[in-house]
Amino acid sequence: MRILPVALLALAAPLGAQQQQPVVVAPPQPSIVASGRGEVKVTPDRATVHVTVETRGKTAAIAGNENARIVRVTLDALRAQGLANEQLGTADYNVYPEQTYDERTRRPVILGYVARNTVRAEVRRIEKVGDVIDAALAGGANTIGGVHFWSSSLEAARRTALEQAVGASCRDAAAMARGAGRALGQPLEISSVESYMPPPMPMMQARAAAPAMAEAVPTQVNPGEQSLVVSVTARWAFAQDGANAGSTAVPACAR
């Protein structure tokens, strides 16, 4: 019975010695940090148009009913331009009182009610944007809230810009490595930041509404170009001693 505790202590001694050994931390690996930028321009081939119908009435019901009637006509006009139901959706709807302030009673006075219904129209043929705007105005819409252009090839353009940015970072890092008498190794870490530069505001020529005009002028819309800019920051390792410019350990952009 007395021998067992002594044996256990003898077995535990090496374990305790192992736990007390200091942990050796490897020094940080020398590296180069370099930034890069890539930019790709695309021509928009899609657009989103916000069409608003605003009506007024003595009561909220009158304003809402009149609004519903005009919106129905406007939607029919948009469908006549080839827009399917899934391309038309309600973006916003509200009814609110129109008020003024009575100086004599010092109280607000309701003059009537305003109903606003905004429809989001997704146009998948860029050349139809002007026709869609004209059809909406002819159907009774009285506000075009904005036109947003975008490209269906934006994802492919983003990847191209990423490749350009990483390549620029690699070339700069390789130049710094050569200046230090070394060769550039593989990337250790890469992060990216993207920014979109939308095209300028569309050039729109308003549709003529005066009855004296013999012919209405169609709306002209110029989508311009959209720029996608990607910036990357990369940390690169130095190539191991003995690696040369033709080694597979050196990135292709640095050879």
Protein backbone atom coordinates (compact mmCIF):
# COMPACT_ATOMS: atom_id res chain seq x y z
CA MET A 1 0.00 0.00 0.00
CA ARG A 2 2.91 2.38 0.61
CA ILE A 3 4.70 1.59 -2.66
CA LEU A 4 1.82 2.72 -4.96
CA PRO A 5 1.95 6.49 -4.14
CA VAL A 6 5.71 6.54 -4.66
CA ALA A 7 5.31 4.94 -8.08
CA LEU A 8 2.64 7.44 -9.07
CA LEU A 9 4.90 10.33 -8.09
CA ALA A 10 7.71 8.85 -10.14
CA LEU A 11 5.44 8.69 -13.19
CA ALA A 12 4.12 12.21 -12.69
CA ALA A 13 7.55 13.78 -12.44
CA PRO A 14 8.38 13.62 -16.18
CA LEU A 15 4.95 15.07 -17.05
CA GLY A 16 5.51 18.02 -14.75
CA ALA A 17 8.93 18.58 -16.25
CA GLN A 18 7.42 18.66 -19.73
CA GLN A 19 4.77 21.22 -18.72
CA GLN A 20 7.39 23.55 -17.28
CA GLN A 21 9.42 23.71 -20.50
CA PRO A 22 9.25 27.21 -22.06
CA VAL A 23 7.28 27.63 -25.30
CA VAL A 24 9.49 28.77 -28.16
CA VAL A 25 7.76 31.34 -30.40
CA ALA A 26 9.04 31.55 -33.94
CA PRO A 27 9.97 35.05 -35.09
CA PRO A 28 7.53 36.65 -37.56
CA GLN A 29 8.20 35.84 -41.20
CA PRO A 30 9.68 38.79 -43.13
CA SER A 31 7.16 40.07 -45.66
CA ILE A 32 6.31 42.93 -48.01
CA VAL A 33 2.98 44.78 -47.96
CA ALA A 34 1.85 46.32 -51.24
CA SER A 35 -1.44 47.74 -52.53
CA GLY A 36 -2.94 47.43 -55.99
CA ARG A 37 -5.86 48.88 -57.92
CA GLY A 38 -7.97 47.51 -60.74
CA GLU A 39 -10.67 49.28 -62.73
CA VAL A 40 -13.09 47.94 -65.32
CA LYS A 41 -15.65 49.98 -67.24
CA VAL A 42 -18.94 48.44 -68.29
CA THR A 43 -21.83 49.78 -70.32
CA PRO A 44 -25.16 49.40 -68.49
CA ASP A 45 -27.70 47.17 -70.21
CA ARG A 46 -30.41 47.27 -67.53
CA ALA A 47 -32.27 50.06 -65.74
CA THR A 48 -34.73 50.58 -62.90
CA VAL A 49 -37.24 53.42 -63.25
CA HIS A 50 -39.29 54.68 -60.30
CA VAL A 51 -42.68 55.97 -61.46
CA THR A 52 -44.88 57.89 -59.03
CA VAL A 53 -48.56 58.80 -59.23
CA GLU A 54 -49.62 61.54 -56.83
CA THR A 55 -53.29 62.52 -56.39
CA ARG A 56 -55.22 64.85 -54.08
CA GLY A 57 -58.74 64.79 -52.69
CA LYS A 58 -60.92 66.24 -49.97
CA THR A 59 -60.87 62.91 -48.17
CA ALA A 60 -58.31 60.14 -47.96
CA ALA A 61 -60.71 57.79 -49.74
CA ILE A 62 -61.18 60.16 -52.69
CA ALA A 63 -57.42 60.66 -53.06
CA GLY A 64 -56.79 56.91 -52.78
CA ASN A 65 -59.48 55.93 -55.28
CA GLU A 66 -58.28 58.42 -57.87
CA ASN A 67 -54.73 57.24 -57.34
CA ALA A 68 -55.70 53.61 -57.84
CA ARG A 69 -57.47 54.46 -61.10
CA ILE A 70 -54.47 56.29 -62.54
CA VAL A 71 -51.99 53.66 -61.38
CA ARG A 72 -54.03 50.97 -63.12
CA VAL A 73 -53.88 52.93 -66.39
CA THR A 74 -50.15 53.56 -65.90
CA LEU A 75 -49.43 49.87 -65.31
CA ASP A 76 -51.36 48.94 -68.45
CA ALA A 77 -49.24 51.44 -70.39
CA LEU A 78 -46.05 49.92 -69.00
CA ARG A 79 -47.18 46.39 -69.85
CA ALA A 80 -47.83 47.59 -73.38
CA GLN A 81 -44.10 48.39 -73.56
CA GLY A 82 -43.30 44.74 -72.96
CA LEU A 83 -42.80 44.79 -69.20
CA ALA A 84 -44.03 41.61 -67.49
CA ASN A 85 -45.76 41.57 -64.12
CA GLU A 86 -42.58 40.42 -62.35
CA GLN A 87 -40.83 43.54 -63.67
CA LEU A 88 -43.37 45.82 -61.98
CA GLY A 89 -43.59 46.18 -58.23
CA THR A 90 -44.77 48.65 -55.61
CA ALA A 91 -41.79 50.51 -54.14
CA ASP A 92 -43.76 52.83 -51.84
CA TYR A 93 -47.34 53.78 -51.01
CA ASN A 94 -48.68 56.32 -48.53
CA VAL A 95 -51.66 58.59 -47.89
CA TYR A 96 -51.25 61.66 -45.69
CA PRO A 97 -53.11 64.88 -44.90
CA GLU A 98 -52.09 68.13 -46.55
CA GLN A 99 -52.08 70.82 -43.85
CA THR A 100 -51.61 74.50 -43.32
CA TYR A 101 -51.20 76.53 -40.16
CA ASP A 102 -53.96 78.89 -39.06
CA GLU A 103 -52.38 81.95 -37.50
CA ARG A 104 -55.66 83.01 -35.92
CA THR A 105 -56.44 79.75 -34.13
CA ARG A 106 -52.79 78.64 -33.95
CA ARG A 107 -53.81 75.20 -35.01
CA PRO A 108 -53.12 73.07 -38.08
CA VAL A 109 -55.89 72.93 -40.65
CA ILE A 110 -56.33 70.00 -43.03
CA LEU A 111 -56.78 71.17 -46.61
CA GLY A 112 -57.13 67.72 -48.11
CA TYR A 113 -55.31 64.45 -48.53
CA VAL A 114 -52.49 63.29 -50.78
CA ALA A 115 -52.04 59.73 -52.05
CA ARG A 116 -48.68 58.66 -53.49
CA ASN A 117 -47.98 55.34 -55.16
CA THR A 118 -44.49 54.59 -56.51
CA VAL A 119 -43.99 51.72 -58.92
CA ARG A 120 -40.56 50.21 -59.58
CA ALA A 121 -40.17 49.20 -63.22
CA GLU A 122 -37.23 46.99 -64.18
CA VAL A 123 -36.28 47.58 -67.80
CA ARG A 124 -34.18 44.78 -69.30
CA ARG A 125 -33.59 46.49 -72.64
CA ILE A 126 -31.67 49.70 -72.18
CA GLU A 127 -32.99 51.20 -75.42
CA LYS A 128 -36.55 50.99 -74.01
CA VAL A 129 -35.93 53.28 -71.01
CA GLY A 130 -37.10 56.42 -72.80
CA ASP A 131 -40.21 54.68 -74.13
CA VAL A 132 -41.05 53.39 -70.64
CA ILE A 133 -40.79 56.91 -69.20
CA ASP A 134 -42.98 58.35 -71.93
CA ALA A 135 -45.57 55.58 -71.48
CA ALA A 136 -45.69 56.17 -67.73
CA LEU A 137 -46.22 59.91 -68.17
CA ALA A 138 -48.88 59.34 -70.81
CA GLY A 139 -50.63 56.89 -68.46
CA GLY A 140 -51.00 59.55 -65.77
CA ALA A 141 -47.79 59.38 -63.71
CA ASN A 142 -46.64 62.83 -62.64
CA THR A 143 -43.22 62.06 -61.15
CA ILE A 144 -40.24 60.04 -62.36
CA GLY A 145 -38.37 59.50 -59.12
CA GLY A 146 -35.10 58.41 -60.70
CA VAL A 147 -33.42 56.11 -63.17
CA HIS A 148 -30.80 53.66 -61.92
CA PHE A 149 -28.56 51.95 -64.49
CA TRP A 150 -26.72 48.69 -63.95
CA SER A 151 -25.00 45.97 -65.94
CA SER A 152 -25.78 42.28 -66.02
CA SER A 153 -22.05 41.57 -66.56
CA LEU A 154 -20.97 43.37 -63.39
CA GLU A 155 -19.91 40.17 -61.60
CA ALA A 156 -17.54 39.16 -64.39
CA ALA A 157 -16.14 42.70 -64.45
CA ARG A 158 -15.56 42.53 -60.68
CA ARG A 159 -13.43 39.41 -61.02
CA THR A 160 -11.41 41.00 -63.81
CA ALA A 161 -10.79 44.06 -61.64
CA LEU A 162 -9.69 41.79 -58.78
CA GLU A 163 -7.13 40.10 -61.03
CA GLN A 164 -5.82 43.48 -62.15
CA ALA A 165 -5.50 44.74 -58.58
CA VAL A 166 -3.67 41.64 -57.32
CA GLY A 167 -1.34 41.78 -60.32
CA ALA A 168 -0.51 45.43 -59.60
CA SER A 169 0.19 44.59 -55.96
CA CYS A 170 2.45 41.69 -57.02
CA ARG A 171 4.47 43.82 -59.44
CA ASP A 172 5.03 46.53 -56.85
CA ALA A 173 6.01 43.97 -54.22
CA ALA A 174 8.43 42.31 -56.69
CA ALA A 175 10.06 45.68 -57.40
CA MET A 176 10.52 46.29 -53.68
CA ALA A 177 11.95 42.79 -53.21
CA ARG A 178 14.48 43.32 -56.01
CA GLY A 179 15.46 46.63 -54.46
CA ALA A 180 16.22 44.73 -51.27
CA GLY A 181 18.28 42.14 -53.16
CA ARG A 182 15.71 39.40 -52.73
CA ALA A 183 13.11 37.58 -54.80
CA LEU A 184 9.38 37.72 -54.15
CA GLY A 185 7.63 34.67 -52.74
CA GLN A 186 4.01 33.63 -52.46
CA PRO A 187 1.20 35.82 -51.05
CA LEU A 188 0.47 35.37 -47.36
CA GLU A 189 -2.71 37.46 -47.08
CA ILE A 190 -4.89 39.47 -49.49
CA SER A 191 -7.86 41.72 -48.70
CA SER A 192 -10.01 43.75 -51.09
CA VAL A 193 -12.29 46.79 -51.06
CA GLU A 194 -14.72 47.53 -53.88
CA SER A 195 -16.33 50.78 -54.99
CA TYR A 196 -18.81 51.49 -57.74
CA MET A 197 -18.75 54.68 -59.75
CA PRO A 198 -22.20 55.05 -61.32
CA PRO A 199 -22.58 56.81 -64.63
CA PRO A 200 -23.54 60.48 -64.64
CA MET A 201 -27.16 61.42 -64.22
CA PRO A 202 -29.08 60.44 -67.34
CA MET A 203 -29.54 63.10 -69.95
CA MET A 204 -33.29 63.32 -70.19
CA GLN A 205 -35.35 65.45 -72.51
CA ALA A 206 -38.78 65.97 -70.96
CA ARG A 207 -41.83 64.92 -72.88
CA ALA A 208 -43.84 67.89 -74.15
CA ALA A 209 -47.17 68.24 -72.39
CA ALA A 210 -48.54 71.47 -73.82
CA PRO A 211 -51.56 70.84 -76.04
CA ALA A 212 -50.29 73.46 -78.50
CA MET A 213 -47.38 71.18 -79.40
CA ALA A 214 -48.10 69.31 -82.61
CA GLU A 215 -45.81 66.39 -81.72
CA ALA A 216 -44.43 65.21 -78.38
CA VAL A 217 -40.67 64.96 -78.11
CA PRO A 218 -39.59 61.47 -76.98
CA THR A 219 -37.47 61.21 -73.88
CA GLN A 220 -33.79 60.68 -74.61
CA VAL A 221 -31.71 58.75 -72.06
CA ASN A 222 -27.95 58.25 -72.19
CA PRO A 223 -26.75 55.53 -69.77
CA GLY A 224 -23.03 56.34 -70.10
CA GLU A 225 -20.47 53.98 -68.55
CA GLN A 226 -20.17 52.46 -65.11
CA SER A 227 -16.77 52.01 -63.44
CA LEU A 228 -15.99 49.22 -61.00
CA VAL A 229 -12.88 49.92 -58.92
CA VAL A 230 -11.25 47.28 -56.71
CA SER A 231 -8.38 47.99 -54.33
CA VAL A 232 -6.40 45.22 -52.67
CA THR A 233 -3.79 45.13 -49.94
CA ALA A 234 -1.56 42.06 -49.98
CA ARG A 235 1.22 40.76 -47.78
CA TRP A 236 3.89 38.84 -49.69
CA ALA A 237 6.64 36.57 -48.43
CA PHE A 238 10.21 36.68 -49.63
CA ALA A 239 11.28 33.71 -51.72
CA GLN A 240 13.50 31.23 -49.95
CA ASP A 241 17.24 31.67 -50.37
CA GLY A 242 18.36 30.22 -53.67
CA ALA A 243 15.05 30.83 -55.47
CA ASN A 244 15.54 32.64 -58.76
CA ALA A 245 13.27 34.47 -61.15
CA GLY A 246 12.36 31.25 -62.96
CA SER A 247 11.50 29.26 -59.86
CA THR A 248 7.98 28.00 -59.35
CA ALA A 249 8.19 29.47 -55.82
CA VAL A 250 8.12 32.94 -57.38
CA PRO A 251 4.71 34.27 -58.52
CA ALA A 252 4.31 34.48 -62.29
CA CYS A 253 3.73 38.24 -62.18
CA ALA A 254 7.13 38.73 -60.52
CA ARG A 255 9.21 36.71 -63.02
